[in-house]
PDB file of N, CA and C in Angstrom:
ATOM      1  N   MET A   1      24.138  55.642  75.557  1.00  0.00           N
ATOM      2  CA  MET A   1      25.039  56.499  76.296  1.00  0.00           C
ATOM      3  C   MET A   1      24.334  57.033  77.537  1.00  0.00           C
ATOM      4  N   SER A   2      25.058  57.102  78.638  1.00  0.00           N
ATOM      5  CA  SER A   2      24.501  57.585  79.897  1.00  0.00           C
ATOM      6  C   SER A   2      24.327  59.097  79.878  1.00  0.00           C
ATOM      7  N   PRO A   3      23.410  59.598  80.707  1.00  0.00           N
ATOM      8  CA  PRO A   3      23.295  61.050  80.853  1.00  0.00           C
ATOM      9  C   PRO A   3      24.590  61.609  81.455  1.00  0.00           C
ATOM     10  N   PRO A   4      24.799  62.931  81.412  1.00  0.00           N
ATOM     11  CA  PRO A   4      26.044  63.504  81.902  1.00  0.00           C
ATOM     12  C   PRO A   4      26.278  63.276  83.397  1.00  0.00           C
ATOM     13  N   TYR A   5      25.218  63.108  84.165  1.00  0.00           N
ATOM     14  CA  TYR A   5      25.363  62.742  85.576  1.00  0.00           C
ATOM     15  C   TYR A   5      24.065  62.109  86.051  1.00  0.00           C
ATOM     16  N   THR A   6      24.167  61.368  87.132  1.00  0.00           N
ATOM     17  CA  THR A   6      23.012  60.739  87.758  1.00  0.00           C
ATOM     18  C   THR A   6      23.148  60.903  89.260  1.00  0.00           C
ATOM     19  N   HIS A   7      22.056  61.204  89.909  1.00  0.00           N
ATOM     20  CA  HIS A   7      22.047  61.392  91.359  1.00  0.00           C
ATOM     21  C   HIS A   7      21.023  60.444  91.967  1.00  0.00           C
ATOM     22  N   THR A   8      21.433  59.706  92.978  1.00  0.00           N
ATOM     23  CA  THR A   8      20.493  58.861  93.709  1.00  0.00           C
ATOM     24  C   THR A   8      20.982  58.703  95.140  1.00  0.00           C
ATOM     25  N   ASN A   9      20.078  58.422  96.029  1.00  0.00           N
ATOM     26  CA  ASN A   9      20.430  58.096  97.406  1.00  0.00           C
ATOM     27  C   ASN A   9      20.514  56.574  97.494  1.00  0.00           C
ATOM     28  N   LEU A  10      21.570  56.066  98.066  1.00  0.00           N
ATOM     29  CA  LEU A  10      21.758  54.611  98.110  1.00  0.00           C
ATOM     30  C   LEU A  10      20.649  53.889  98.876  1.00  0.00           C
ATOM     31  N   MET A  11      20.000  54.570  99.804  1.00  0.00           N
ATOM     32  CA  MET A  11      18.895  53.929 100.525  1.00  0.00           C
ATOM     33  C   MET A  11      17.651  53.780  99.642  1.00  0.00           C
ATOM     34  N   ASP A  12      17.628  54.475  98.501  1.00  0.00           N
ATOM     35  CA  ASP A  12      16.523  54.327  97.555  1.00  0.00           C
ATOM     36  C   ASP A  12      16.751  53.187  96.569  1.00  0.00           C
ATOM     37  N   VAL A  13      17.944  52.612  96.569  1.00  0.00           N
ATOM     38  CA  VAL A  13      18.272  51.485  95.698  1.00  0.00           C
ATOM     39  C   VAL A  13      17.699  50.211  96.322  1.00  0.00           C
ATOM     40  N   HIS A  14      17.164  49.349  95.499  1.00  0.00           N
ATOM     41  CA  HIS A  14      16.567  48.085  95.947  1.00  0.00           C
ATOM     42  C   HIS A  14      17.572  47.251  96.743  1.00  0.00           C
ATOM     43  N   ASP A  15      17.145  46.770  97.903  1.00  0.00           N
ATOM     44  CA  ASP A  15      17.963  45.840  98.693  1.00  0.00           C
ATOM     45  C   ASP A  15      17.816  44.453  98.080  1.00  0.00           C
ATOM     46  N   ALA A  16      18.871  43.979  97.431  1.00  0.00           N
ATOM     47  CA  ALA A  16      18.835  42.688  96.739  1.00  0.00           C
ATOM     48  C   ALA A  16      19.113  41.511  97.655  1.00  0.00           C
ATOM     49  N   ALA A  17      19.504  41.755  98.902  1.00  0.00           N
ATOM     50  CA  ALA A  17      19.857  40.653  99.798  1.00  0.00           C
ATOM     51  C   ALA A  17      18.734  39.621  99.957  1.00  0.00           C
ATOM     52  N   PRO A  18      17.476  40.027 100.164  1.00  0.00           N
ATOM     53  CA  PRO A  18      16.423  39.009 100.266  1.00  0.00           C
ATOM     54  C   PRO A  18      16.280  38.171  98.986  1.00  0.00           C
ATOM     55  N   ASP A  19      16.416  38.808  97.821  1.00  0.00           N
ATOM     56  CA  ASP A  19      16.310  38.085  96.546  1.00  0.00           C
ATOM     57  C   ASP A  19      17.431  37.057  96.398  1.00  0.00           C
ATOM     58  N   LEU A  20      18.595  37.353  96.980  1.00  0.00           N
ATOM     59  CA  LEU A  20      19.766  36.491  96.866  1.00  0.00           C
ATOM     60  C   LEU A  20      19.934  35.559  98.072  1.00  0.00           C
ATOM     61  N   GLU A  21      18.926  35.566  98.955  1.00  0.00           N
ATOM     62  CA  GLU A  21      18.945  34.752 100.183  1.00  0.00           C
ATOM     63  C   GLU A  21      20.118  35.113 101.086  1.00  0.00           C
ATOM     64  N   LEU A  22      20.406  36.422 101.176  1.00  0.00           N
ATOM     65  CA  LEU A  22      21.485  36.926 102.015  1.00  0.00           C
ATOM     66  C   LEU A  22      20.968  37.755 103.192  1.00  0.00           C
ATOM     67  N   ALA A  23      19.674  37.947 103.293  1.00  0.00           N
ATOM     68  CA  ALA A  23      19.093  38.867 104.267  1.00  0.00           C
ATOM     69  C   ALA A  23      19.359  38.456 105.711  1.00  0.00           C
ATOM     70  N   GLU A  24      19.719  37.218 105.936  1.00  0.00           N
ATOM     71  CA  GLU A  24      20.019  36.754 107.295  1.00  0.00           C
ATOM     72  C   GLU A  24      21.166  37.553 107.908  1.00  0.00           C
ATOM     73  N   TRP A  25      22.120  37.984 107.078  1.00  0.00           N
ATOM     74  CA  TRP A  25      23.281  38.674 107.633  1.00  0.00           C
ATOM     75  C   TRP A  25      23.564  40.042 107.012  1.00  0.00           C
ATOM     76  N   GLN A  26      22.841  40.456 105.976  1.00  0.00           N
ATOM     77  CA  GLN A  26      23.201  41.741 105.389  1.00  0.00           C
ATOM     78  C   GLN A  26      22.105  42.343 104.530  1.00  0.00           C
ATOM     79  N   GLU A  27      22.318  43.615 104.175  1.00  0.00           N
ATOM     80  CA  GLU A  27      21.606  44.317 103.116  1.00  0.00           C
ATOM     81  C   GLU A  27      22.619  44.545 101.996  1.00  0.00           C
ATOM     82  N   SER A  28      22.178  44.502 100.753  1.00  0.00           N
ATOM     83  CA  SER A  28      23.065  44.751  99.610  1.00  0.00           C
ATOM     84  C   SER A  28      22.316  45.556  98.565  1.00  0.00           C
ATOM     85  N   ARG A  29      22.824  46.726  98.286  1.00  0.00           N
ATOM     86  CA  ARG A  29      22.222  47.601  97.283  1.00  0.00           C
ATOM     87  C   ARG A  29      23.209  47.805  96.143  1.00  0.00           C
ATOM     88  N   PHE A  30      22.931  47.167  95.014  1.00  0.00           N
ATOM     89  CA  PHE A  30      23.774  47.236  93.825  1.00  0.00           C
ATOM     90  C   PHE A  30      23.337  48.458  93.020  1.00  0.00           C
ATOM     91  N   ALA A  31      24.077  49.542  93.135  1.00  0.00           N
ATOM     92  CA  ALA A  31      23.631  50.843  92.623  1.00  0.00           C
ATOM     93  C   ALA A  31      24.093  51.161  91.210  1.00  0.00           C
ATOM     94  N   THR A  32      24.814  50.284  90.582  1.00  0.00           N
ATOM     95  CA  THR A  32      25.395  50.573  89.273  1.00  0.00           C
ATOM     96  C   THR A  32      24.334  50.987  88.249  1.00  0.00           C
ATOM     97  N   ALA A  33      23.280  50.207  88.125  1.00  0.00           N
ATOM     98  CA  ALA A  33      22.230  50.518  87.145  1.00  0.00           C
ATOM     99  C   ALA A  33      21.474  51.789  87.538  1.00  0.00           C
ATOM    100  N   ASP A  34      21.201  51.957  88.835  1.00  0.00           N
ATOM    101  CA  ASP A  34      20.493  53.154  89.296  1.00  0.00           C
ATOM    102  C   ASP A  34      21.279  54.427  88.987  1.00  0.00           C
ATOM    103  N   LEU A  35      22.602  54.306  88.914  1.00  0.00           N
ATOM    104  CA  LEU A  35      23.458  55.455  88.620  1.00  0.00           C
ATOM    105  C   LEU A  35      23.788  55.582  87.138  1.00  0.00           C
ATOM    106  N   ASP A  36      23.224  54.684  86.305  1.00  0.00           N
ATOM    107  CA  ASP A  36      23.495  54.692  84.864  1.00  0.00           C
ATOM    108  C   ASP A  36      24.992  54.570  84.563  1.00  0.00           C
ATOM    109  N   ALA A  37      25.726  53.875  85.439  1.00  0.00           N
ATOM    110  CA  ALA A  37      27.177  53.749  85.265  1.00  0.00           C
ATOM    111  C   ALA A  37      27.492  52.805  84.107  1.00  0.00           C
ATOM    112  N   GLU A  38      28.430  53.198  83.301  1.00  0.00           N
ATOM    113  CA  GLU A  38      28.842  52.393  82.152  1.00  0.00           C
ATOM    114  C   GLU A  38      30.138  51.631  82.409  1.00  0.00           C
ATOM    115  N   HIS A  39      31.008  52.167  83.267  1.00  0.00           N
ATOM    116  CA  HIS A  39      32.318  51.554  83.459  1.00  0.00           C
ATOM    117  C   HIS A  39      32.652  51.258  84.911  1.00  0.00           C
ATOM    118  N   ALA A  40      31.922  51.847  85.839  1.00  0.00           N
ATOM    119  CA  ALA A  40      32.203  51.674  87.263  1.00  0.00           C
ATOM    120  C   ALA A  40      31.025  51.011  87.949  1.00  0.00           C
ATOM    121  N   GLY A  41      31.335  50.202  88.946  1.00  0.00           N
ATOM    122  CA  GLY A  41      30.294  49.563  89.740  1.00  0.00           C
ATOM    123  C   GLY A  41      30.396  50.019  91.184  1.00  0.00           C
ATOM    124  N   VAL A  42      29.254  50.142  91.845  1.00  0.00           N
ATOM    125  CA  VAL A  42      29.229  50.497  93.263  1.00  0.00           C
ATOM    126  C   VAL A  42      28.118  49.718  93.955  1.00  0.00           C
ATOM    127  N   THR A  43      28.444  49.210  95.138  1.00  0.00           N
ATOM    128  CA  THR A  43      27.486  48.461  95.946  1.00  0.00           C
ATOM    129  C   THR A  43      27.587  48.935  97.383  1.00  0.00           C
ATOM    130  N   HIS A  44      26.437  49.084  98.025  1.00  0.00           N
ATOM    131  CA  HIS A  44      26.354  49.467  99.437  1.00  0.00           C
ATOM    132  C   HIS A  44      25.956  48.223 100.229  1.00  0.00           C
ATOM    133  N   HIS A  45      26.803  47.851 101.186  1.00  0.00           N
ATOM    134  CA  HIS A  45      26.527  46.682 102.037  1.00  0.00           C
ATOM    135  C   HIS A  45      26.372  47.136 103.481  1.00  0.00           C
ATOM    136  N   ARG A  46      25.430  46.527 104.169  1.00  0.00           N
ATOM    137  CA  ARG A  46      25.292  46.671 105.619  1.00  0.00           C
ATOM    138  C   ARG A  46      25.264  45.267 106.202  1.00  0.00           C
ATOM    139  N   ILE A  47      26.329  44.909 106.902  1.00  0.00           N
ATOM    140  CA  ILE A  47      26.409  43.607 107.557  1.00  0.00           C
ATOM    141  C   ILE A  47      25.812  43.780 108.954  1.00  0.00           C
ATOM    142  N   LYS A  48      24.898  42.905 109.319  1.00  0.00           N
ATOM    143  CA  LYS A  48      24.188  43.040 110.592  1.00  0.00           C
ATOM    144  C   LYS A  48      25.129  42.803 111.772  1.00  0.00           C
ATOM    145  N   PRO A  49      24.869  43.497 112.894  1.00  0.00           N
ATOM    146  CA  PRO A  49      25.742  43.385 114.067  1.00  0.00           C
ATOM    147  C   PRO A  49      26.007  41.925 114.463  1.00  0.00           C
ATOM    148  N   GLY A  50      27.278  41.635 114.721  1.00  0.00           N
ATOM    149  CA  GLY A  50      27.669  40.315 115.213  1.00  0.00           C
ATOM    150  C   GLY A  50      27.526  39.176 114.228  1.00  0.00           C
ATOM    151  N   THR A  51      27.351  39.477 112.951  1.00  0.00           N
ATOM    152  CA  THR A  51      27.203  38.403 111.960  1.00  0.00           C
ATOM    153  C   THR A  51      28.366  38.399 110.983  1.00  0.00           C
ATOM    154  N   ARG A  52      28.498  37.291 110.313  1.00  0.00           N
ATOM    155  CA  ARG A  52      29.539  37.082 109.309  1.00  0.00           C
ATOM    156  C   ARG A  52      28.851  36.646 108.035  1.00  0.00           C
ATOM    157  N   GLN A  53      29.334  37.127 106.910  1.00  0.00           N
ATOM    158  CA  GLN A  53      28.764  36.677 105.638  1.00  0.00           C
ATOM    159  C   GLN A  53      28.868  35.155 105.559  1.00  0.00           C
ATOM    160  N   GLY A  54      27.893  34.545 104.954  1.00  0.00           N
ATOM    161  CA  GLY A  54      27.861  33.096 104.837  1.00  0.00           C
ATOM    162  C   GLY A  54      28.608  32.564 103.630  1.00  0.00           C
ATOM    163  N   PHE A  55      29.436  33.389 103.011  1.00  0.00           N
ATOM    164  CA  PHE A  55      30.155  32.981 101.800  1.00  0.00           C
ATOM    165  C   PHE A  55      31.386  33.865 101.633  1.00  0.00           C
ATOM    166  N   ALA A  56      32.257  33.451 100.755  1.00  0.00           N
ATOM    167  CA  ALA A  56      33.357  34.291 100.277  1.00  0.00           C
ATOM    168  C   ALA A  56      33.236  34.352  98.771  1.00  0.00           C
ATOM    169  N   HIS A  57      33.879  35.350  98.185  1.00  0.00           N
ATOM    170  CA  HIS A  57      33.905  35.412  96.725  1.00  0.00           C
ATOM    171  C   HIS A  57      35.231  35.984  96.254  1.00  0.00           C
ATOM    172  N   ARG A  58      35.529  35.737  95.000  1.00  0.00           N
ATOM    173  CA  ARG A  58      36.667  36.336  94.315  1.00  0.00           C
ATOM    174  C   ARG A  58      36.306  36.469  92.852  1.00  0.00           C
ATOM    175  N   HIS A  59      37.118  37.232  92.131  1.00  0.00           N
ATOM    176  CA  HIS A  59      36.849  37.515  90.730  1.00  0.00           C
ATOM    177  C   HIS A  59      37.971  36.995  89.839  1.00  0.00           C
ATOM    178  N   GLU A  60      37.651  36.869  88.584  1.00  0.00           N
ATOM    179  CA  GLU A  60      38.660  36.473  87.603  1.00  0.00           C
ATOM    180  C   GLU A  60      39.586  37.647  87.277  1.00  0.00           C
ATOM    181  N   ARG A  61      38.990  38.849  87.057  1.00  0.00           N
ATOM    182  CA  ARG A  61      39.785  40.003  86.631  1.00  0.00           C
ATOM    183  C   ARG A  61      39.501  41.284  87.416  1.00  0.00           C
ATOM    184  N   ALA A  62      38.407  41.372  88.110  1.00  0.00           N
ATOM    185  CA  ALA A  62      37.965  42.642  88.697  1.00  0.00           C
ATOM    186  C   ALA A  62      38.603  42.925  90.054  1.00  0.00           C
ATOM    187  N   GLU A  63      39.412  43.984  90.100  1.00  0.00           N
ATOM    188  CA  GLU A  63      39.920  44.509  91.367  1.00  0.00           C
ATOM    189  C   GLU A  63      38.774  45.269  92.037  1.00  0.00           C
ATOM    190  N   GLU A  64      38.712  45.197  93.372  1.00  0.00           N
ATOM    191  CA  GLU A  64      37.667  45.922  94.102  1.00  0.00           C
ATOM    192  C   GLU A  64      38.283  46.792  95.191  1.00  0.00           C
ATOM    193  N   LEU A  65      37.594  47.892  95.479  1.00  0.00           N
ATOM    194  CA  LEU A  65      37.943  48.776  96.583  1.00  0.00           C
ATOM    195  C   LEU A  65      36.756  48.820  97.522  1.00  0.00           C
ATOM    196  N   TYR A  66      37.018  48.692  98.808  1.00  0.00           N
ATOM    197  CA  TYR A  66      35.982  48.774  99.827  1.00  0.00           C
ATOM    198  C   TYR A  66      36.325  49.898 100.781  1.00  0.00           C
ATOM    199  N   VAL A  67      35.307  50.665 101.192  1.00  0.00           N
ATOM    200  CA  VAL A  67      35.477  51.731 102.167  1.00  0.00           C
ATOM    201  C   VAL A  67      34.468  51.508 103.282  1.00  0.00           C
ATOM    202  N   VAL A  68      34.964  51.486 104.517  1.00  0.00           N
ATOM    203  CA  VAL A  68      34.091  51.333 105.682  1.00  0.00           C
ATOM    204  C   VAL A  68      33.475  52.694 105.982  1.00  0.00           C
ATOM    205  N   LEU A  69      32.148  52.748 105.960  1.00  0.00           N
ATOM    206  CA  LEU A  69      31.437  53.992 106.268  1.00  0.00           C
ATOM    207  C   LEU A  69      31.142  54.114 107.757  1.00  0.00           C
ATOM    208  N   ALA A  70      30.749  53.009 108.374  1.00  0.00           N
ATOM    209  CA  ALA A  70      30.345  53.044 109.780  1.00  0.00           C
ATOM    210  C   ALA A  70      30.500  51.656 110.388  1.00  0.00           C
ATOM    211  N   GLY A  71      30.508  51.639 111.707  1.00  0.00           N
ATOM    212  CA  GLY A  71      30.615  50.373 112.424  1.00  0.00           C
ATOM    213  C   GLY A  71      32.051  49.890 112.459  1.00  0.00           C
ATOM    214  N   SER A  72      32.171  48.608 112.740  1.00  0.00           N
ATOM    215  CA  SER A  72      33.485  47.979 112.811  1.00  0.00           C
ATOM    216  C   SER A  72      33.317  46.513 112.446  1.00  0.00           C
ATOM    217  N   GLY A  73      34.441  45.846 112.310  1.00  0.00           N
ATOM    218  CA  GLY A  73      34.388  44.428 111.991  1.00  0.00           C
ATOM    219  C   GLY A  73      35.733  43.943 111.511  1.00  0.00           C
ATOM    220  N   ARG A  74      35.664  42.872 110.730  1.00  0.00           N
ATOM    221  CA  ARG A  74      36.885  42.285 110.197  1.00  0.00           C
ATOM    222  C   ARG A  74      36.623  41.797 108.777  1.00  0.00           C
ATOM    223  N   ALA A  75      37.709  41.745 108.008  1.00  0.00           N
ATOM    224  CA  ALA A  75      37.660  41.136 106.684  1.00  0.00           C
ATOM    225  C   ALA A  75      38.611  39.954 106.706  1.00  0.00           C
ATOM    226  N   LYS A  76      38.177  38.855 106.103  1.00  0.00           N
ATOM    227  CA  LYS A  76      39.080  37.735 105.879  1.00  0.00           C
ATOM    228  C   LYS A  76      39.459  37.788 104.410  1.00  0.00           C
ATOM    229  N   LEU A  77      40.752  37.941 104.165  1.00  0.00           N
ATOM    230  CA  LEU A  77      41.298  38.084 102.817  1.00  0.00           C
ATOM    231  C   LEU A  77      42.267  36.926 102.623  1.00  0.00           C
ATOM    232  N   ASP A  78      41.820  35.886 101.914  1.00  0.00           N
ATOM    233  CA  ASP A  78      42.544  34.616 101.859  1.00  0.00           C
ATOM    234  C   ASP A  78      42.770  34.149 103.296  1.00  0.00           C
ATOM    235  N   ASP A  79      44.016  34.016 103.739  1.00  0.00           N
ATOM    236  CA  ASP A  79      44.279  33.524 105.093  1.00  0.00           C
ATOM    237  C   ASP A  79      44.503  34.636 106.112  1.00  0.00           C
ATOM    238  N   ASP A  80      44.425  35.898 105.684  1.00  0.00           N
ATOM    239  CA  ASP A  80      44.653  37.020 106.592  1.00  0.00           C
ATOM    240  C   ASP A  80      43.329  37.571 107.099  1.00  0.00           C
ATOM    241  N   ILE A  81      43.349  38.033 108.353  1.00  0.00           N
ATOM    242  CA  ILE A  81      42.179  38.701 108.936  1.00  0.00           C
ATOM    243  C   ILE A  81      42.599  40.120 109.293  1.00  0.00           C
ATOM    244  N   VAL A  82      41.813  41.091 108.815  1.00  0.00           N
ATOM    245  CA  VAL A  82      42.130  42.511 108.969  1.00  0.00           C
ATOM    246  C   VAL A  82      41.017  43.174 109.770  1.00  0.00           C
ATOM    247  N   ALA A  83      41.379  43.883 110.839  1.00  0.00           N
ATOM    248  CA  ALA A  83      40.411  44.642 111.635  1.00  0.00           C
ATOM    249  C   ALA A  83      40.018  45.897 110.861  1.00  0.00           C
ATOM    250  N   LEU A  84      38.746  46.282 110.974  1.00  0.00           N
ATOM    251  CA  LEU A  84      38.221  47.413 110.212  1.00  0.00           C
ATOM    252  C   LEU A  84      37.523  48.414 111.122  1.00  0.00           C
ATOM    253  N   ARG A  85      37.675  49.686 110.774  1.00  0.00           N
ATOM    254  CA  ARG A  85      36.999  50.772 111.487  1.00  0.00           C
ATOM    255  C   ARG A  85      36.588  51.823 110.456  1.00  0.00           C
ATOM    256  N   PRO A  86      35.760  52.798 110.840  1.00  0.00           N
ATOM    257  CA  PRO A  86      35.281  53.786 109.874  1.00  0.00           C
ATOM    258  C   PRO A  86      36.411  54.473 109.104  1.00  0.00           C
ATOM    259  N   LEU A  87      36.171  54.630 107.826  1.00  0.00           N
ATOM    260  CA  LEU A  87      37.039  55.259 106.845  1.00  0.00           C
ATOM    261  C   LEU A  87      38.262  54.430 106.472  1.00  0.00           C
ATOM    262  N   ASP A  88      38.344  53.187 106.935  1.00  0.00           N
ATOM    263  CA  ASP A  88      39.364  52.281 106.404  1.00  0.00           C
ATOM    264  C   ASP A  88      39.012  51.988 104.953  1.00  0.00           C
ATOM    265  N   ALA A  89      40.029  51.930 104.123  1.00  0.00           N
ATOM    266  CA  ALA A  89      39.863  51.572 102.713  1.00  0.00           C
ATOM    267  C   ALA A  89      40.717  50.340 102.453  1.00  0.00           C
ATOM    268  N   VAL A  90      40.166  49.396 101.703  1.00  0.00           N
ATOM    269  CA  VAL A  90      40.854  48.149 101.403  1.00  0.00           C
ATOM    270  C   VAL A  90      40.766  47.899  99.900  1.00  0.00           C
ATOM    271  N   ARG A  91      41.930  47.700  99.264  1.00  0.00           N
ATOM    272  CA  ARG A  91      41.976  47.289  97.858  1.00  0.00           C
ATOM    273  C   ARG A  91      42.208  45.791  97.839  1.00  0.00           C
ATOM    274  N   ILE A  92      41.425  45.094  97.029  1.00  0.00           N
ATOM    275  CA  ILE A  92      41.534  43.638  96.973  1.00  0.00           C
ATOM    276  C   ILE A  92      41.742  43.212  95.526  1.00  0.00           C
ATOM    277  N   ALA A  93      42.838  42.493  95.306  1.00  0.00           N
ATOM    278  CA  ALA A  93      43.145  41.962  93.982  1.00  0.00           C
ATOM    279  C   ALA A  93      42.092  40.910  93.602  1.00  0.00           C
ATOM    280  N   PRO A  94      41.870  40.714  92.316  1.00  0.00           N
ATOM    281  CA  PRO A  94      40.799  39.828  91.864  1.00  0.00           C
ATOM    282  C   PRO A  94      40.836  38.417  92.475  1.00  0.00           C
ATOM    283  N   GLN A  95      41.998  37.807  92.555  1.00  0.00           N
ATOM    284  CA  GLN A  95      42.092  36.395  92.928  1.00  0.00           C
ATOM    285  C   GLN A  95      41.970  36.145  94.427  1.00  0.00           C
ATOM    286  N   VAL A  96      41.887  37.195  95.244  1.00  0.00           N
ATOM    287  CA  VAL A  96      41.818  37.046  96.695  1.00  0.00           C
ATOM    288  C   VAL A  96      40.379  36.752  97.118  1.00  0.00           C
ATOM    289  N   PHE A  97      40.187  35.637  97.864  1.00  0.00           N
ATOM    290  CA  PHE A  97      38.879  35.381  98.457  1.00  0.00           C
ATOM    291  C   PHE A  97      38.650  36.393  99.559  1.00  0.00           C
ATOM    292  N   ARG A  98      37.412  36.916  99.633  1.00  0.00           N
ATOM    293  CA  ARG A  98      37.078  37.926 100.630  1.00  0.00           C
ATOM    294  C   ARG A  98      35.736  37.620 101.265  1.00  0.00           C
ATOM    295  N   SER A  99      35.655  37.957 102.566  1.00  0.00           N
ATOM    296  CA  SER A  99      34.412  37.825 103.309  1.00  0.00           C
ATOM    297  C   SER A  99      34.461  38.828 104.462  1.00  0.00           C
ATOM    298  N   TRP A 100      33.290  39.190 104.995  1.00  0.00           N
ATOM    299  CA  TRP A 100      33.178  40.275 105.963  1.00  0.00           C
ATOM    300  C   TRP A 100      32.471  39.798 107.219  1.00  0.00           C
ATOM    301  N   GLU A 101      32.888  40.359 108.355  1.00  0.00           N
ATOM    302  CA  GLU A 101      32.271  40.065 109.647  1.00  0.00           C
ATOM    303  C   GLU A 101      32.033  41.391 110.359  1.00  0.00           C
ATOM    304  N   ALA A 102      30.832  41.585 110.874  1.00  0.00           N
ATOM    305  CA  ALA A 102      30.482  42.835 111.554  1.00  0.00           C
ATOM    306  C   ALA A 102      30.737  42.732 113.043  1.00  0.00           C
ATOM    307  N   GLY A 103      31.148  43.860 113.617  1.00  0.00           N
ATOM    308  CA  GLY A 103      31.285  43.967 115.058  1.00  0.00           C
ATOM    309  C   GLY A 103      29.929  44.220 115.698  1.00  0.00           C
ATOM    310  N   PRO A 104      29.915  44.622 116.963  1.00  0.00           N
ATOM    311  CA  PRO A 104      28.656  44.780 117.698  1.00  0.00           C
ATOM    312  C   PRO A 104      27.752  45.892 117.177  1.00  0.00           C
ATOM    313  N   ASP A 105      28.311  46.843 116.417  1.00  0.00           N
ATOM    314  CA  ASP A 105      27.505  47.940 115.856  1.00  0.00           C
ATOM    315  C   ASP A 105      27.205  47.744 114.377  1.00  0.00           C
ATOM    316  N   GLY A 106      27.528  46.577 113.831  1.00  0.00           N
ATOM    317  CA  GLY A 106      27.342  46.336 112.416  1.00  0.00           C
ATOM    318  C   GLY A 106      28.541  46.857 111.627  1.00  0.00           C
ATOM    319  N   LEU A 107      28.494  46.649 110.317  1.00  0.00           N
ATOM    320  CA  LEU A 107      29.571  47.076 109.426  1.00  0.00           C
ATOM    321  C   LEU A 107      28.934  47.568 108.136  1.00  0.00           C
ATOM    322  N   GLU A 108      29.158  48.840 107.822  1.00  0.00           N
ATOM    323  CA  GLU A 108      28.594  49.439 106.617  1.00  0.00           C
ATOM    324  C   GLU A 108      29.729  49.739 105.649  1.00  0.00           C
ATOM    325  N   LEU A 109      29.620  49.213 104.430  1.00  0.00           N
ATOM    326  CA  LEU A 109      30.686  49.295 103.435  1.00  0.00           C
ATOM    327  C   LEU A 109      30.174  49.810 102.105  1.00  0.00           C
ATOM    328  N   LEU A 110      31.053  50.487 101.382  1.00  0.00           N
ATOM    329  CA  LEU A 110      30.837  50.747  99.964  1.00  0.00           C
ATOM    330  C   LEU A 110      31.881  49.948  99.204  1.00  0.00           C
ATOM    331  N   ALA A 111      31.454  49.273  98.165  1.00  0.00           N
ATOM    332  CA  ALA A 111      32.360  48.516  97.295  1.00  0.00           C
ATOM    333  C   ALA A 111      32.362  49.177  95.928  1.00  0.00           C
ATOM    334  N   PHE A 112      33.562  49.350  95.371  1.00  0.00           N
ATOM    335  CA  PHE A 112      33.731  49.958  94.053  1.00  0.00           C
ATOM    336  C   PHE A 112      34.570  49.038  93.179  1.00  0.00           C
ATOM    337  N   GLY A 113      34.240  48.990  91.911  1.00  0.00           N
ATOM    338  CA  GLY A 113      35.048  48.231  90.969  1.00  0.00           C
ATOM    339  C   GLY A 113      34.676  48.594  89.550  1.00  0.00           C
ATOM    340  N   ALA A 114      35.514  48.170  88.642  1.00  0.00           N
ATOM    341  CA  ALA A 114      35.227  48.372  87.229  1.00  0.00           C
ATOM    342  C   ALA A 114      34.189  47.359  86.791  1.00  0.00           C
ATOM    343  N   GLN A 115      33.274  47.790  85.952  1.00  0.00           N
ATOM    344  CA  GLN A 115      32.331  46.836  85.378  1.00  0.00           C
ATOM    345  C   GLN A 115      33.068  46.046  84.316  1.00  0.00           C
ATOM    346  N   GLU A 116      33.126  44.761  84.516  1.00  0.00           N
ATOM    347  CA  GLU A 116      33.793  43.896  83.557  1.00  0.00           C
ATOM    348  C   GLU A 116      32.919  42.684  83.306  1.00  0.00           C
ATOM    349  N   ASP A 117      33.073  42.107  82.144  1.00  0.00           N
ATOM    350  CA  ASP A 117      32.482  40.811  81.884  1.00  0.00           C
ATOM    351  C   ASP A 117      33.402  39.820  82.577  1.00  0.00           C
ATOM    352  N   ASP A 118      33.053  39.456  83.803  1.00  0.00           N
ATOM    353  CA  ASP A 118      33.986  38.790  84.707  1.00  0.00           C
ATOM    354  C   ASP A 118      33.313  37.591  85.364  1.00  0.00           C
ATOM    355  N   GLU A 119      34.076  36.569  85.593  1.00  0.00           N
ATOM    356  CA  GLU A 119      33.589  35.416  86.343  1.00  0.00           C
ATOM    357  C   GLU A 119      33.794  35.677  87.837  1.00  0.00           C
ATOM    358  N   THR A 120      32.787  35.357  88.641  1.00  0.00           N
ATOM    359  CA  THR A 120      32.877  35.464  90.092  1.00  0.00           C
ATOM    360  C   THR A 120      32.698  34.071  90.668  1.00  0.00           C
ATOM    361  N   GLU A 121      33.592  33.709  91.584  1.00  0.00           N
ATOM    362  CA  GLU A 121      33.521  32.407  92.254  1.00  0.00           C
ATOM    363  C   GLU A 121      33.042  32.632  93.679  1.00  0.00           C
ATOM    364  N   PHE A 122      32.033  31.868  94.089  1.00  0.00           N
ATOM    365  CA  PHE A 122      31.493  31.935  95.446  1.00  0.00           C
ATOM    366  C   PHE A 122      31.764  30.626  96.166  1.00  0.00           C
ATOM    367  N   ILE A 123      32.081  30.732  97.463  1.00  0.00           N
ATOM    368  CA  ILE A 123      32.249  29.539  98.298  1.00  0.00           C
ATOM    369  C   ILE A 123      31.385  29.731  99.563  1.00  0.00           C
ATOM    370  N   PRO A 124      30.278  28.988  99.666  1.00  0.00           N
ATOM    371  CA  PRO A 124      29.444  29.078 100.869  1.00  0.00           C
ATOM    372  C   PRO A 124      30.197  28.559 102.108  1.00  0.00           C
ATOM    373  N   GLY A 125      29.949  29.193 103.261  1.00  0.00           N
ATOM    374  CA  GLY A 125      30.513  28.717 104.510  1.00  0.00           C
ATOM    375  C   GLY A 125      32.029  28.755 104.582  1.00  0.00           C
ATOM    376  N   TRP A 126      32.659  29.642 103.854  1.00  0.00           N
ATOM    377  CA  TRP A 126      34.122  29.668 103.731  1.00  0.00           C
ATOM    378  C   TRP A 126      34.846  30.064 105.003  1.00  0.00           C
ATOM    379  N   TRP A 127      34.329  31.086 105.725  1.00  0.00           N
ATOM    380  CA  TRP A 127      35.029  31.592 106.921  1.00  0.00           C
ATOM    381  C   TRP A 127      34.477  30.886 108.131  1.00  0.00           C
ATOM    382  N   THR A 128      35.256  29.963 108.666  1.00  0.00           N
ATOM    383  CA  THR A 128      34.885  29.247 109.881  1.00  0.00           C
ATOM    384  C   THR A 128      36.011  29.420 110.884  1.00  0.00           C
ATOM    385  N   ASP A 129      35.675  29.341 112.163  1.00  0.00           N
ATOM    386  CA  ASP A 129      36.707  29.471 113.203  1.00  0.00           C
ATOM    387  C   ASP A 129      37.356  28.138 113.472  1.00  0.00           C
TER     388      ASP A 129
END
């Protein structure tokens, strides 16, 4: 059982992007374990200025919520492209492929979802012009 609360600064969470070979375009801090979360997941992403993620992903069952903290950019959600600015919130159904592109100042996001025993599908190089 988790303690009654956990406090951490997201910048103190390990940046997993280099371990996952994603450092070319982003930082990714998967904070769920650091927060002792049992049912909720949270990830902090920083997409580097002018770059686009090199993959898309979707889930079998997990709905996700994303909140733009800073910067600007776009999200590709299946065939739709959505412009993003600070404090935009986006809910994405599990089956929707998603990928992110940062504007000139980068794109900083928080991702939230339920922790589920879930399959995730990745497609490298999915968003092309």
